[in-house]
């Protein structure tokens, strides 16, 4: 990473600009991703990274190489042999939480020893060798705080075997399996799973419940009460018109943190607001563009409990495609 901004970096980039290629193994693999785990202080382990995603061993460099079609990626190496899925999950959560990537999404790319992942100029990556993994974090972590174990539900993981491909130019929205980390403890079976084949809606978090909006819920007084759900919970609905608003109410106790991560379909642009009981906006998420996901978080510091309202509003467009909001209280 000391070569960032030097003539050597410019020389490598000029080769690619002329139609040539660039590659590397181990550290050379790491340096080619958009966000680089640089290991400048120490080498992170999965157990240490999940126990504290802000451990001193987790350091990153951005702005080195910006290869076409490879934005938002964080490479990792020796993947299965050295059990690095956990630390890649922590890398991804950090990249999303710290804004190291745009759009609130980060893709970990782990390649096993003895394997090579070849990315062509069109953005298609093809594996030669035992295995490689793409680990997507597409929402804010439920808990990513210095000195505390990581909690992140529903990483989307694609496993590639010899000869299989992953299209980084047109990143797939199906074919992944789901794994979570709760209080620093990852699910079993991190390196294999049954792929999701029906990706028309976001699956509910394991152990949680689901709720589909009930119209009319276009005002605070008509809000759907979701206080009785088992959290984390998934709330779904749609923006039936360009002026649609969907309200949901819930209670939050003193010291509790509320996190809401909404996956918005490409049919419309919707914005997310968190309101007080009286309707004041406490925080909001207004990412621009159809299909742009939204996320808010708030910790109640006052004593006692209070009612809050989630307000999802159509900004532009409409349609029957469902949004899916994962609501977490911790």
Protein backbone atom coordinates (compact mmCIF):
# COMPACT_ATOMS: atom_id res chain seq x y z
CA UNK A 1 0.00 0.00 0.00
CA UNK A 2 3.05 2.27 0.28
CA UNK A 3 3.00 2.33 -3.54
CA UNK A 4 -0.35 4.12 -3.56
CA UNK A 5 -0.04 7.34 -5.56
CA UNK A 6 3.40 6.48 -6.96
CA UNK A 7 4.65 5.99 -10.51
CA UNK A 8 4.48 2.23 -9.96
CA UNK A 9 0.72 2.38 -9.36
CA UNK A 10 0.31 4.56 -12.46
CA UNK A 11 2.37 2.10 -14.50
CA UNK A 12 0.22 -0.87 -13.47
CA UNK A 13 -2.94 1.08 -14.25
CA UNK A 14 -1.58 2.04 -17.68
CA UNK A 15 -1.11 -1.65 -18.55
CA UNK A 16 -4.77 -2.36 -17.77
CA UNK A 17 -5.88 0.75 -19.67
CA UNK A 18 -4.13 -0.62 -22.75
CA UNK A 19 -5.99 -3.93 -22.49
CA UNK A 20 -3.48 -5.84 -20.39
CA UNK A 21 -4.04 -7.67 -17.13
CA UNK A 22 -2.94 -7.52 -13.51
CA UNK A 23 -3.05 -10.12 -10.78
CA UNK A 24 -1.47 -11.54 -7.68
CA UNK A 25 -1.71 -14.12 -4.96
CA UNK A 26 -2.04 -13.60 -1.20
CA UNK A 27 -1.09 -9.92 -0.59
CA UNK A 28 -1.16 -9.38 -4.35
CA UNK A 29 -4.73 -10.62 -4.34
CA UNK A 30 -5.66 -8.30 -1.46
CA UNK A 31 -4.26 -5.17 -3.08
CA UNK A 32 -6.43 -5.57 -6.18
CA UNK A 33 -9.76 -5.03 -4.41
CA UNK A 34 -11.60 -1.73 -4.04
CA UNK A 35 -11.20 -1.71 -0.24
CA UNK A 36 -7.89 -3.27 0.78
CA UNK A 37 -7.38 -5.09 4.06
CA UNK A 38 -3.79 -3.95 4.52
CA UNK A 39 -2.75 -5.79 7.73
CA UNK A 40 -0.55 -2.84 8.62
CA UNK A 41 -0.61 -3.53 12.37
CA UNK A 42 -1.24 -7.28 12.66
CA UNK A 43 -2.89 -10.20 10.88
CA UNK A 44 -6.55 -10.54 11.86
CA UNK A 45 -8.11 -13.87 12.78
CA UNK A 46 -11.78 -14.75 12.35
CA UNK A 47 -12.34 -15.21 16.07
CA UNK A 48 -10.67 -11.91 16.96
CA UNK A 49 -12.42 -9.93 14.22
CA UNK A 50 -15.86 -11.24 15.21
CA UNK A 51 -15.19 -10.61 18.90
CA UNK A 52 -14.26 -6.99 18.10
CA UNK A 53 -14.67 -5.72 14.52
CA UNK A 54 -12.65 -2.64 15.52
CA UNK A 55 -9.66 -4.62 16.77
CA UNK A 56 -6.31 -2.97 15.95
CA UNK A 57 -5.61 -5.72 13.39
CA UNK A 58 -8.47 -4.55 11.14
CA UNK A 59 -7.05 -1.69 9.06
CA UNK A 60 -8.01 -0.72 5.54
CA UNK A 61 -6.76 1.37 2.63
CA UNK A 62 -9.00 2.82 -0.06
CA UNK A 63 -8.28 4.62 -3.32
CA UNK A 64 -5.52 2.34 -4.62
CA UNK A 65 -6.73 0.52 -7.74
CA UNK A 66 -10.25 1.19 -9.00
CA UNK A 67 -10.69 -1.61 -11.50
CA UNK A 68 -13.75 -1.49 -13.76
CA UNK A 69 -16.75 -3.51 -12.52
CA UNK A 70 -15.01 -4.31 -9.22
CA UNK A 71 -16.31 -1.54 -6.94
CA UNK A 72 -17.25 -2.28 -3.34
CA UNK A 73 -15.06 -5.39 -3.05
CA UNK A 74 -12.72 -6.57 -0.28
CA UNK A 75 -10.47 -9.49 -1.22
CA UNK A 76 -9.29 -12.20 1.17
CA UNK A 77 -6.94 -15.14 0.58
CA UNK A 78 -6.08 -18.65 1.87
CA UNK A 79 -9.77 -18.63 2.58
CA UNK A 80 -10.98 -22.05 3.75
CA UNK A 81 -7.58 -23.40 4.78
CA UNK A 82 -7.09 -20.59 7.30
CA UNK A 83 -10.80 -20.28 8.18
CA UNK A 84 -11.15 -16.66 7.09
CA UNK A 85 -14.89 -16.45 6.47
CA UNK A 86 -15.44 -14.84 9.88
CA UNK A 87 -12.90 -12.10 9.37
CA UNK A 88 -14.24 -11.40 5.87
CA UNK A 89 -17.68 -10.96 7.42
CA UNK A 90 -16.14 -8.44 9.82
CA UNK A 91 -14.37 -6.67 6.91
CA UNK A 92 -17.68 -6.38 5.04
CA UNK A 93 -19.56 -5.11 8.10
CA UNK A 94 -16.85 -2.50 8.73
CA UNK A 95 -16.89 -1.35 5.11
CA UNK A 96 -20.65 -0.79 5.27
CA UNK A 97 -20.66 0.77 8.75
CA UNK A 98 -17.71 3.11 8.09
CA UNK A 99 -18.83 4.20 4.62
CA UNK A 100 -15.79 2.72 2.86
CA UNK A 101 -18.11 1.69 0.02
CA UNK A 102 -20.87 3.53 -1.82
CA UNK A 103 -24.51 2.47 -1.81
CA UNK A 104 -24.33 0.74 1.57
CA UNK A 105 -23.20 -2.61 0.14
CA UNK A 106 -19.86 -4.45 0.26
CA UNK A 107 -18.74 -7.70 -1.35
CA UNK A 108 -16.07 -9.86 0.27
CA UNK A 109 -14.21 -12.03 -2.26
CA UNK A 110 -12.43 -14.98 -0.65
CA UNK A 111 -10.26 -17.29 -2.75
CA UNK A 112 -8.99 -20.63 -1.44
CA UNK A 113 -5.39 -21.75 -1.64
CA UNK A 114 -4.62 -23.35 -5.00
CA UNK A 115 -7.42 -21.44 -6.75
CA UNK A 116 -7.42 -18.45 -9.09
CA UNK A 117 -10.30 -16.14 -9.86
CA UNK A 118 -9.99 -14.58 -13.31
CA UNK A 119 -12.01 -11.40 -13.94
CA UNK A 120 -12.32 -10.49 -17.62
CA UNK A 121 -12.76 -6.99 -19.01
CA UNK A 122 -16.54 -7.45 -19.03
CA UNK A 123 -16.55 -8.07 -15.27
CA UNK A 124 -17.19 -11.84 -15.31
CA UNK A 125 -15.11 -13.73 -12.75
CA UNK A 126 -14.42 -17.42 -13.45
CA UNK A 127 -12.87 -19.77 -10.91
CA UNK A 128 -10.06 -22.20 -11.64
CA UNK A 129 -9.38 -24.41 -8.65
CA UNK A 130 -11.07 -25.63 -5.46
CA UNK A 131 -13.38 -22.83 -4.29
CA UNK A 132 -14.06 -19.13 -3.97
CA UNK A 133 -16.74 -17.18 -2.11
CA UNK A 134 -18.54 -13.88 -2.59
CA UNK A 135 -19.93 -12.51 0.69
CA UNK A 136 -22.43 -9.67 0.37
CA UNK A 137 -23.40 -7.34 3.19
CA UNK A 138 -26.29 -5.22 1.94
CA UNK A 139 -27.49 -3.50 5.11
CA UNK A 140 -26.07 -1.82 8.20
CA UNK A 141 -24.79 -4.16 10.93
CA UNK A 142 -27.07 -4.56 13.91
CA UNK A 143 -24.08 -4.18 16.25
CA UNK A 144 -20.64 -3.01 15.10
CA UNK A 145 -19.04 -1.08 17.94
CA UNK A 146 -15.47 -0.93 19.15
CA UNK A 147 -14.89 -3.43 21.92
CA UNK A 148 -18.15 -5.33 21.35
CA UNK A 149 -18.83 -8.56 19.42
CA UNK A 150 -20.28 -8.23 15.93
CA UNK A 151 -23.94 -8.89 15.19
CA UNK A 152 -24.92 -9.00 11.52
CA UNK A 153 -27.85 -11.02 10.18
CA UNK A 154 -28.17 -12.53 6.74
CA UNK A 155 -24.89 -12.23 4.91
CA UNK A 156 -25.58 -13.45 1.37
CA UNK A 157 -22.92 -15.94 0.30
CA UNK A 158 -22.25 -17.35 -3.16
CA UNK A 159 -19.95 -20.37 -3.33
CA UNK A 160 -18.07 -20.96 -6.58
CA UNK A 161 -16.52 -24.27 -7.55
CA UNK A 162 -14.12 -25.02 -10.38
CA UNK A 163 -15.34 -23.49 -13.66
CA UNK A 164 -18.20 -21.49 -12.16
CA UNK A 165 -18.55 -17.72 -12.66
CA UNK A 166 -19.81 -14.62 -10.85
CA UNK A 167 -20.73 -11.53 -12.86
CA UNK A 168 -19.43 -8.41 -11.11
CA UNK A 169 -20.80 -6.15 -13.85
CA UNK A 170 -24.35 -7.46 -13.34
CA UNK A 171 -24.24 -8.76 -9.80
CA UNK A 172 -26.72 -11.57 -9.17
CA UNK A 173 -29.64 -11.21 -6.78
CA UNK A 174 -30.23 -14.93 -6.33
CA UNK A 175 -28.35 -18.17 -5.81
CA UNK A 176 -26.85 -17.28 -2.42
CA UNK A 177 -27.18 -19.00 0.95
CA UNK A 178 -27.62 -17.05 4.21
CA UNK A 179 -25.41 -16.98 7.29
CA UNK A 180 -25.47 -14.66 10.31
CA UNK A 181 -23.25 -13.63 13.20
CA UNK A 182 -24.80 -12.91 16.59
CA UNK A 183 -22.77 -11.51 19.48
CA UNK A 184 -19.60 -12.64 17.75
CA UNK A 185 -20.78 -16.22 17.19
CA UNK A 186 -21.26 -17.23 13.53
CA UNK A 187 -23.79 -19.74 12.29
CA UNK A 188 -22.60 -23.28 11.67
CA UNK A 189 -21.77 -24.37 8.13
CA UNK A 190 -20.20 -21.12 6.95
CA UNK A 191 -18.62 -22.68 3.87
CA UNK A 192 -21.65 -24.43 2.39
CA UNK A 193 -25.39 -24.03 2.26
CA UNK A 194 -28.52 -24.53 0.21
CA UNK A 195 -28.82 -21.65 -2.28
CA UNK A 196 -31.93 -19.50 -2.26
CA UNK A 197 -33.67 -19.91 -5.60
CA UNK A 198 -36.73 -17.71 -5.03
CA UNK A 199 -35.34 -14.23 -4.40
CA UNK A 200 -38.52 -12.27 -5.06
CA UNK A 201 -38.51 -11.12 -1.44
CA UNK A 202 -36.05 -10.90 1.42
CA UNK A 203 -36.25 -13.96 3.70
CA UNK A 204 -36.98 -13.32 7.36
CA UNK A 205 -34.12 -13.25 9.83
CA UNK A 206 -33.67 -16.64 11.54
CA UNK A 207 -35.69 -16.74 14.76
CA UNK A 208 -37.70 -13.64 13.86
CA UNK A 209 -41.19 -13.05 12.54
CA UNK A 210 -42.69 -11.40 9.48
CA UNK A 211 -45.43 -8.84 8.95
CA UNK A 212 -47.05 -7.74 5.70
CA UNK A 213 -48.49 -4.22 5.71
CA UNK A 214 -52.24 -3.82 6.09
CA UNK A 215 -53.77 -0.90 4.21
CA UNK A 216 -54.83 1.75 4.94
CA UNK A 217 -51.69 2.68 6.89
CA UNK A 218 -51.02 6.05 5.27
CA UNK A 219 -50.84 8.10 8.47
CA UNK A 220 -49.52 7.87 12.02
CA UNK A 221 -53.03 7.38 13.38
CA UNK A 222 -53.55 4.44 10.98
CA UNK A 223 -50.07 2.94 11.51
CA UNK A 224 -49.70 -0.84 11.65
CA UNK A 225 -48.63 -1.77 15.18
CA UNK A 226 -45.64 -4.15 15.02
CA UNK A 227 -44.72 -3.97 18.72
CA UNK A 228 -45.78 -7.56 19.31
CA UNK A 229 -43.46 -9.11 16.71
CA UNK A 230 -40.47 -11.25 17.59
CA UNK A 231 -37.36 -9.28 16.71
CA UNK A 232 -35.45 -9.25 14.45
CA UNK A 233 -38.51 -9.12 12.22
CA UNK A 234 -39.13 -8.52 8.53
CA UNK A 235 -41.81 -6.02 7.51
CA UNK A 236 -42.95 -6.02 3.88
CA UNK A 237 -45.18 -3.84 1.74
CA UNK A 238 -45.20 -1.87 -1.50
CA UNK A 239 -45.51 1.68 -2.81
CA UNK A 240 -48.86 1.33 -4.57
CA UNK A 241 -48.75 4.90 -5.88
CA UNK A 242 -46.25 7.71 -6.31
CA UNK A 243 -47.70 9.39 -3.21
CA UNK A 244 -47.97 6.30 -1.00
CA UNK A 245 -46.85 6.37 2.63
CA UNK A 246 -46.67 3.31 4.88
CA UNK A 247 -46.55 3.79 8.67
CA UNK A 248 -45.60 1.22 11.31
CA UNK A 249 -45.49 1.82 15.07
CA UNK A 250 -43.48 0.11 17.80
CA UNK A 251 -42.17 0.78 21.28
CA UNK A 252 -38.57 1.19 22.38
CA UNK A 253 -37.33 0.99 25.96
CA UNK A 254 -34.58 2.95 27.66
CA UNK A 255 -31.15 1.95 26.38
CA UNK A 256 -32.55 -0.04 23.46
CA UNK A 257 -31.22 0.48 19.94
CA UNK A 258 -33.57 0.29 16.96
CA UNK A 259 -32.11 -0.54 13.54
CA UNK A 260 -34.18 -0.67 10.35
CA UNK A 261 -32.67 -1.87 7.06
CA UNK A 262 -34.97 -1.66 4.04
CA UNK A 263 -34.29 -3.46 0.78
CA UNK A 264 -36.07 -1.41 -1.88
CA UNK A 265 -36.93 -3.01 -5.26
CA UNK A 266 -35.79 -1.43 -8.51
CA UNK A 267 -39.39 -0.46 -9.42
CA UNK A 268 -39.32 2.70 -7.33
CA UNK A 269 -37.36 5.05 -5.07
CA UNK A 270 -38.58 5.12 -1.45
CA UNK A 271 -37.28 7.06 1.57
CA UNK A 272 -37.29 5.97 5.20
CA UNK A 273 -38.07 8.18 8.22
CA UNK A 274 -38.08 7.42 11.94
CA UNK A 275 -40.56 9.64 13.78
CA UNK A 276 -41.36 10.36 17.40
CA UNK A 277 -44.84 9.72 18.80
CA UNK A 278 -45.72 13.34 17.98
CA UNK A 279 -44.50 13.03 14.37
CA UNK A 280 -41.13 14.80 14.63
CA UNK A 281 -38.43 13.39 12.36
CA UNK A 282 -35.67 11.89 14.52
CA UNK A 283 -33.55 10.43 11.72
CA UNK A 284 -34.01 9.59 8.06
CA UNK A 285 -32.46 7.77 5.11
CA UNK A 286 -32.99 9.31 1.66
CA UNK A 287 -30.59 7.57 -0.71
CA UNK A 288 -31.18 8.63 -4.30
CA UNK A 289 -32.30 6.32 -7.09
CA UNK A 290 -34.76 3.53 -7.77
CA UNK A 291 -33.75 0.39 -5.88
CA UNK A 292 -31.53 2.31 -3.43
CA UNK A 293 -31.75 0.64 -0.01
CA UNK A 294 -32.44 2.71 3.10
CA UNK A 295 -31.30 2.28 6.70
CA UNK A 296 -31.79 4.13 10.01
CA UNK A 297 -30.72 3.50 13.58
CA UNK A 298 -31.51 5.17 16.89
CA UNK A 299 -30.74 4.49 20.56
CA UNK A 300 -33.26 5.62 23.17
CA UNK A 301 -31.35 7.35 25.98
CA UNK A 302 -34.33 8.69 27.92
CA UNK A 303 -35.87 6.71 30.77
CA UNK A 304 -38.96 4.59 30.30
CA UNK A 305 -40.37 3.49 26.96
CA UNK A 306 -41.92 5.41 24.10
CA UNK A 307 -43.73 4.87 20.82
CA UNK A 308 -41.92 5.44 17.53
CA UNK A 309 -43.16 5.41 13.94
CA UNK A 310 -41.48 4.09 10.83
CA UNK A 311 -42.54 6.02 7.75
CA UNK A 312 -41.66 4.63 4.31
CA UNK A 313 -42.53 7.12 1.58
CA UNK A 314 -42.61 6.85 -2.20
CA UNK A 315 -40.21 9.43 -3.62
CA UNK A 316 -40.55 8.54 -7.29
CA UNK A 317 -42.20 5.68 -9.10
CA UNK A 318 -44.50 3.01 -7.70
CA UNK A 319 -45.35 -0.64 -8.17
CA UNK A 320 -46.44 -3.91 -6.61
CA UNK A 321 -42.90 -5.17 -5.96
CA UNK A 322 -42.37 -5.57 -2.22
CA UNK A 323 -39.85 -3.73 -0.11
CA UNK A 324 -38.53 -5.71 2.88
CA UNK A 325 -37.41 -3.97 6.07
CA UNK A 326 -35.49 -5.91 8.69
CA UNK A 327 -36.33 -4.35 12.07
CA UNK A 328 -33.97 -5.11 14.95
CA UNK A 329 -34.09 -4.09 18.63
CA UNK A 330 -31.03 -4.68 20.78
